[in-house]
Amino acid sequence: MRKKEQLNSIIEICPVRNVVARFGNKWALLVILVLGENEPIRYNELGRKIPDISSRVLSNTLRTLEADGLVLRTFYQEVPPRVEYSLTDTGRSLVPIIIKLTEWAQKNMKTIIEHRKKTQQAVQE
């Protein structure tokens, strides 16, 4: 039992697993990119810029990114209340990395899809 506890603690402190795992959510990187291009932005406008994300998923993604210190939620006590979202400095520092990853994906997508097809065909034979 002790070994399992040790293993869990190593996984929890591993920066790659701990931080990058939060981006396993397919929407997190897109939300960061959209915020980077449109900050500050209100919730409904952000939802319009990502039309295929559900309201629930957008809320959860924003909460997670806020908990990680990547997104800042600013509440204005007005009538009606107004909430805006923007990136923190840490969140902004991630944008160029996401852009590079996006460029890499665009450059290599055709090759990756071809390999997937070959692998799928080999499995079916």
C-alpha atoms as a PDB file:
ATOM      1  CA  MET A   1       0.000   0.000   0.000  1.00  0.00           C
ATOM      2  CA  ARG A   2       2.873   2.355   0.795  1.00  0.00           C
ATOM      3  CA  LYS A   3       4.274   2.029  -2.759  1.00  0.00           C
ATOM      4  CA  LYS A   4       0.966   3.155  -4.269  1.00  0.00           C
ATOM      5  CA  GLU A   5       0.900   6.240  -2.009  1.00  0.00           C
ATOM      6  CA  GLN A   6       4.470   7.067  -3.050  1.00  0.00           C
ATOM      7  CA  LEU A   7       3.628   6.659  -6.730  1.00  0.00           C
ATOM      8  CA  ASN A   8       0.611   8.961  -6.416  1.00  0.00           C
ATOM      9  CA  SER A   9       2.674  11.660  -4.742  1.00  0.00           C
ATOM     10  CA  ILE A  10       5.322  11.481  -7.502  1.00  0.00           C
ATOM     11  CA  ILE A  11       2.627  11.818 -10.161  1.00  0.00           C
ATOM     12  CA  GLU A  12       1.060  14.761  -8.339  1.00  0.00           C
ATOM     13  CA  ILE A  13       4.332  16.702  -8.166  1.00  0.00           C
ATOM     14  CA  CYS A  14       5.404  15.967 -11.743  1.00  0.00           C
ATOM     15  CA  PRO A  15       5.048  19.331 -13.524  1.00  0.00           C
ATOM     16  CA  VAL A  16       4.220  17.819 -16.884  1.00  0.00           C
ATOM     17  CA  ARG A  17       1.457  15.574 -15.603  1.00  0.00           C
ATOM     18  CA  ASN A  18       0.163  18.029 -13.040  1.00  0.00           C
ATOM     19  CA  VAL A  19      -0.058  21.123 -15.231  1.00  0.00           C
ATOM     20  CA  VAL A  20      -0.418  19.803 -18.766  1.00  0.00           C
ATOM     21  CA  ALA A  21      -3.102  17.304 -17.735  1.00  0.00           C
ATOM     22  CA  ARG A  22      -5.419  20.256 -17.124  1.00  0.00           C
ATOM     23  CA  PHE A  23      -5.316  20.912 -20.871  1.00  0.00           C
ATOM     24  CA  GLY A  24      -6.612  17.432 -21.616  1.00  0.00           C
ATOM     25  CA  ASN A  25      -9.948  19.192 -21.752  1.00  0.00           C
ATOM     26  CA  LYS A  26     -10.352  19.864 -25.465  1.00  0.00           C
ATOM     27  CA  TRP A  27     -11.692  23.353 -24.791  1.00  0.00           C
ATOM     28  CA  ALA A  28      -9.083  24.813 -22.426  1.00  0.00           C
ATOM     29  CA  LEU A  29      -6.503  25.722 -25.070  1.00  0.00           C
ATOM     30  CA  LEU A  30      -9.161  27.208 -27.350  1.00  0.00           C
ATOM     31  CA  VAL A  31     -10.594  29.313 -24.509  1.00  0.00           C
ATOM     32  CA  ILE A  32      -7.100  30.625 -23.733  1.00  0.00           C
ATOM     33  CA  LEU A  33      -6.529  31.498 -27.400  1.00  0.00           C
ATOM     34  CA  VAL A  34      -9.864  33.296 -27.720  1.00  0.00           C
ATOM     35  CA  LEU A  35      -9.253  35.204 -24.487  1.00  0.00           C
ATOM     36  CA  GLY A  36      -5.795  36.146 -25.732  1.00  0.00           C
ATOM     37  CA  GLU A  37      -7.321  37.701 -28.840  1.00  0.00           C
ATOM     38  CA  ASN A  38     -10.342  39.347 -27.174  1.00  0.00           C
ATOM     39  CA  GLU A  39      -9.596  40.251 -23.595  1.00  0.00           C
ATOM     40  CA  PRO A  40     -11.349  41.407 -21.585  1.00  0.00           C
ATOM     41  CA  ILE A  41     -14.450  39.582 -22.742  1.00  0.00           C
ATOM     42  CA  ARG A  42     -17.826  38.872 -21.223  1.00  0.00           C
ATOM     43  CA  TYR A  43     -19.102  35.335 -20.800  1.00  0.00           C
ATOM     44  CA  ASN A  44     -21.808  35.451 -23.504  1.00  0.00           C
ATOM     45  CA  GLU A  45     -19.442  37.000 -26.039  1.00  0.00           C
ATOM     46  CA  LEU A  46     -16.867  34.310 -25.289  1.00  0.00           C
ATOM     47  CA  GLY A  47     -19.567  31.683 -25.821  1.00  0.00           C
ATOM     48  CA  ARG A  48     -20.458  33.242 -29.183  1.00  0.00           C
ATOM     49  CA  LYS A  49     -16.830  33.111 -30.285  1.00  0.00           C
ATOM     50  CA  ILE A  50     -16.780  29.367 -29.505  1.00  0.00           C
ATOM     51  CA  PRO A  51     -20.257  28.419 -30.751  1.00  0.00           C
ATOM     52  CA  ASP A  52     -19.999  24.642 -30.318  1.00  0.00           C
ATOM     53  CA  ILE A  53     -19.109  24.757 -26.595  1.00  0.00           C
ATOM     54  CA  SER A  54     -21.984  24.253 -24.184  1.00  0.00           C
ATOM     55  CA  SER A  55     -22.627  26.775 -21.449  1.00  0.00           C
ATOM     56  CA  ARG A  56     -21.884  24.177 -18.773  1.00  0.00           C
ATOM     57  CA  VAL A  57     -18.567  23.159 -20.328  1.00  0.00           C
ATOM     58  CA  LEU A  58     -17.536  26.799 -20.823  1.00  0.00           C
ATOM     59  CA  SER A  59     -18.311  27.570 -17.172  1.00  0.00           C
ATOM     60  CA  ASN A  60     -16.357  24.540 -15.942  1.00  0.00           C
ATOM     61  CA  THR A  61     -13.415  25.332 -18.229  1.00  0.00           C
ATOM     62  CA  LEU A  62     -13.273  28.948 -17.056  1.00  0.00           C
ATOM     63  CA  ARG A  63     -13.459  27.825 -13.408  1.00  0.00           C
ATOM     64  CA  THR A  64     -10.597  25.368 -13.922  1.00  0.00           C
ATOM     65  CA  LEU A  65      -8.445  27.936 -15.725  1.00  0.00           C
ATOM     66  CA  GLU A  66      -9.211  30.480 -12.998  1.00  0.00           C
ATOM     67  CA  ALA A  67      -8.261  27.958 -10.293  1.00  0.00           C
ATOM     68  CA  ASP A  68      -4.932  27.426 -12.078  1.00  0.00           C
ATOM     69  CA  GLY A  69      -4.268  31.168 -12.169  1.00  0.00           C
ATOM     70  CA  LEU A  70      -4.484  31.411 -15.952  1.00  0.00           C
ATOM     71  CA  VAL A  71      -7.753  33.339 -16.184  1.00  0.00           C
ATOM     72  CA  LEU A  72      -8.903  36.330 -14.186  1.00  0.00           C
ATOM     73  CA  ARG A  73     -12.616  36.754 -13.501  1.00  0.00           C
ATOM     74  CA  THR A  74     -13.575  40.346 -12.718  1.00  0.00           C
ATOM     75  CA  PHE A  75     -16.984  40.997 -11.196  1.00  0.00           C
ATOM     76  CA  TYR A  76     -18.445  44.508 -11.416  1.00  0.00           C
ATOM     77  CA  GLN A  77     -21.175  45.378  -8.944  1.00  0.00           C
ATOM     78  CA  GLU A  78     -23.446  47.170 -11.342  1.00  0.00           C
ATOM     79  CA  VAL A  79     -27.073  46.819 -12.263  1.00  0.00           C
ATOM     80  CA  PRO A  80     -27.185  44.417 -13.983  1.00  0.00           C
ATOM     81  CA  PRO A  81     -23.989  42.776 -12.675  1.00  0.00           C
ATOM     82  CA  ARG A  82     -21.188  42.449 -15.199  1.00  0.00           C
ATOM     83  CA  VAL A  83     -18.445  39.819 -15.301  1.00  0.00           C
ATOM     84  CA  GLU A  84     -15.421  39.941 -17.589  1.00  0.00           C
ATOM     85  CA  TYR A  85     -12.728  37.384 -18.216  1.00  0.00           C
ATOM     86  CA  SER A  86      -9.129  38.021 -19.168  1.00  0.00           C
ATOM     87  CA  LEU A  87      -5.827  36.194 -19.048  1.00  0.00           C
ATOM     88  CA  THR A  88      -3.377  36.589 -16.216  1.00  0.00           C
ATOM     89  CA  ASP A  89       0.289  37.117 -17.040  1.00  0.00           C
ATOM     90  CA  THR A  90       0.768  33.368 -16.650  1.00  0.00           C
ATOM     91  CA  GLY A  91      -2.116  32.686 -19.032  1.00  0.00           C
ATOM     92  CA  ARG A  92      -0.761  35.209 -21.542  1.00  0.00           C
ATOM     93  CA  SER A  93       2.639  33.509 -21.434  1.00  0.00           C
ATOM     94  CA  LEU A  94       0.940  30.330 -22.653  1.00  0.00           C
ATOM     95  CA  VAL A  95      -0.560  31.898 -25.807  1.00  0.00           C
ATOM     96  CA  PRO A  96       2.634  31.815 -27.959  1.00  0.00           C
ATOM     97  CA  ILE A  97       3.139  28.167 -27.012  1.00  0.00           C
ATOM     98  CA  ILE A  98      -0.424  27.290 -28.038  1.00  0.00           C
ATOM     99  CA  ILE A  99       0.042  29.201 -31.300  1.00  0.00           C
ATOM    100  CA  LYS A 100       3.217  27.196 -32.024  1.00  0.00           C
ATOM    101  CA  LEU A 101       1.385  23.955 -31.223  1.00  0.00           C
ATOM    102  CA  THR A 102      -1.450  25.000 -33.547  1.00  0.00           C
ATOM    103  CA  GLU A 103       1.017  25.779 -36.342  1.00  0.00           C
ATOM    104  CA  TRP A 104       2.692  22.409 -35.802  1.00  0.00           C
ATOM    105  CA  ALA A 105      -0.676  20.633 -35.937  1.00  0.00           C
ATOM    106  CA  GLN A 106      -1.648  22.398 -39.151  1.00  0.00           C
ATOM    107  CA  LYS A 107       1.695  21.592 -40.742  1.00  0.00           C
ATOM    108  CA  ASN A 108       1.603  17.911 -39.761  1.00  0.00           C
ATOM    109  CA  MET A 109      -2.121  17.114 -39.833  1.00  0.00           C
ATOM    110  CA  LYS A 110      -2.086  15.542 -43.306  1.00  0.00           C
ATOM    111  CA  THR A 111       0.795  13.203 -42.428  1.00  0.00           C
ATOM    112  CA  ILE A 112      -0.780  12.233 -39.114  1.00  0.00           C
ATOM    113  CA  ILE A 113      -4.129  11.448 -40.767  1.00  0.00           C
ATOM    114  CA  GLU A 114      -2.364   9.323 -43.405  1.00  0.00           C
ATOM    115  CA  HIS A 115      -0.601   7.345 -40.660  1.00  0.00           C
ATOM    116  CA  ARG A 116      -3.878   6.854 -38.809  1.00  0.00           C
ATOM    117  CA  LYS A 117      -5.494   5.479 -41.972  1.00  0.00           C
ATOM    118  CA  LYS A 118      -2.584   3.088 -42.575  1.00  0.00           C
ATOM    119  CA  THR A 119      -2.740   1.856 -39.006  1.00  0.00           C
ATOM    120  CA  GLN A 120      -6.501   1.411 -39.176  1.00  0.00           C
ATOM    121  CA  GLN A 121      -6.210  -0.521 -42.444  1.00  0.00           C
ATOM    122  CA  ALA A 122      -3.522  -2.769 -40.985  1.00  0.00           C
ATOM    123  CA  VAL A 123      -5.691  -3.535 -37.970  1.00  0.00           C
ATOM    124  CA  GLN A 124      -8.658  -4.392 -40.184  1.00  0.00           C
ATOM    125  CA  GLU A 125      -6.639  -6.834 -42.333  1.00  0.00           C
END
